[in-house]
Amino acid sequence: MSRYDPLTRFLEAGTGDPITLTMTQVGLLVEGLPASAYSYPAWWQNDDPSHSHCQAWRNAGFTAHPDLGEGTVTFRPFTTGAS
């Protein structure tokens, strides 16, 4: 079981539309995000299966798109050509 499983379940329970959350909201779902999630876009990369946080949204069928300036992340459902 991964600490990011609650995020997977949250995304799976959605309508399949893009979901925008504050990073604080994501942190509450997973009992805290590391400081790097708030500072580095690379933490949110979508193509690293070795990281359980990446697997969390990928397993739910989403890609992550952070806006560090706003402190938000938009999870978008997979579409052709999405990364």
Protein backbone atom coordinates (compact mmCIF):
# COMPACT_ATOMS: atom_id res chain seq x y z
CA MET A 1 0.00 0.00 0.00
CA SER A 2 1.33 3.41 -0.97
CA ARG A 3 0.82 6.61 0.98
CA TYR A 4 -0.47 8.01 -2.33
CA ASP A 5 -3.32 5.50 -2.65
CA PRO A 6 -5.86 8.02 -1.30
CA LEU A 7 -5.01 10.31 -4.22
CA THR A 8 -5.58 7.45 -6.67
CA ARG A 9 -8.96 6.69 -5.11
CA PHE A 10 -9.94 10.37 -5.11
CA LEU A 11 -9.14 10.74 -8.81
CA GLU A 12 -10.86 7.47 -9.72
CA ALA A 13 -14.03 8.65 -7.95
CA GLY A 14 -14.24 11.74 -10.16
CA THR A 15 -16.20 12.24 -13.35
CA GLY A 16 -13.22 11.83 -15.65
CA ASP A 17 -12.98 15.59 -16.16
CA PRO A 18 -9.85 17.57 -15.27
CA ILE A 19 -9.54 18.16 -11.53
CA THR A 20 -7.66 21.12 -10.09
CA LEU A 21 -6.58 20.95 -6.46
CA THR A 22 -4.34 23.11 -4.36
CA MET A 23 -1.13 21.43 -3.37
CA THR A 24 -2.34 21.78 0.20
CA GLN A 25 -5.44 19.74 -0.69
CA VAL A 26 -3.27 17.05 -2.28
CA GLY A 27 -1.10 17.09 0.82
CA LEU A 28 -4.14 16.55 3.03
CA LEU A 29 -5.17 13.54 0.94
CA VAL A 30 -1.75 11.90 1.25
CA GLU A 31 -0.81 13.07 4.76
CA GLY A 32 1.73 15.58 3.53
CA LEU A 33 3.73 16.39 0.43
CA PRO A 34 7.50 16.81 0.48
CA ALA A 35 8.85 20.36 0.15
CA SER A 36 10.11 19.50 -3.34
CA ALA A 37 6.51 19.12 -4.56
CA TYR A 38 5.94 22.81 -3.84
CA SER A 39 9.19 23.96 -5.45
CA TYR A 40 10.11 21.72 -8.37
CA PRO A 41 7.94 20.95 -11.41
CA ALA A 42 9.99 17.78 -11.93
CA TRP A 43 8.37 16.26 -8.84
CA TRP A 44 5.12 16.21 -10.82
CA GLN A 45 6.55 14.56 -13.92
CA ASN A 46 4.26 12.00 -15.47
CA ASP A 47 6.67 9.47 -16.92
CA ASP A 48 8.57 8.09 -13.93
CA PRO A 49 7.07 4.76 -12.89
CA SER A 50 9.73 4.38 -10.19
CA HIS A 51 7.98 7.06 -8.09
CA SER A 52 4.85 6.04 -6.22
CA HIS A 53 3.39 9.54 -6.40
CA CYS A 54 3.59 9.44 -10.22
CA GLN A 55 2.00 5.99 -10.23
CA ALA A 56 -0.87 7.32 -8.09
CA TRP A 57 -2.28 9.64 -10.73
CA ARG A 58 -1.19 7.50 -13.69
CA ASN A 59 -2.98 4.46 -12.23
CA ALA A 60 -6.14 6.57 -11.99
CA GLY A 61 -5.79 7.56 -15.66
CA PHE A 62 -4.52 11.10 -15.18
CA THR A 63 -1.49 13.25 -15.84
CA ALA A 64 -0.39 16.00 -13.44
CA HIS A 65 0.14 19.62 -14.50
CA PRO A 66 1.43 21.82 -11.67
CA ASP A 67 1.29 25.58 -11.41
CA LEU A 68 3.86 26.29 -8.72
CA GLY A 69 3.13 30.03 -8.76
CA GLU A 70 -0.52 29.39 -7.93
CA GLY A 71 0.19 26.39 -5.72
CA THR A 72 -2.18 24.19 -7.70
CA VAL A 73 -2.03 21.03 -9.75
CA THR A 74 -4.49 20.06 -12.45
CA PHE A 75 -4.97 16.36 -13.04
CA ARG A 76 -6.06 15.76 -16.62
CA PRO A 77 -7.43 12.47 -17.92
CA PHE A 78 -5.28 10.66 -20.46
CA THR A 79 -5.89 11.68 -24.02
CA THR A 80 -4.04 10.90 -27.19
CA GLY A 81 -0.73 12.73 -27.09
CA ALA A 82 -0.97 13.72 -23.40
CA SER A 83 2.14 13.46 -21.28
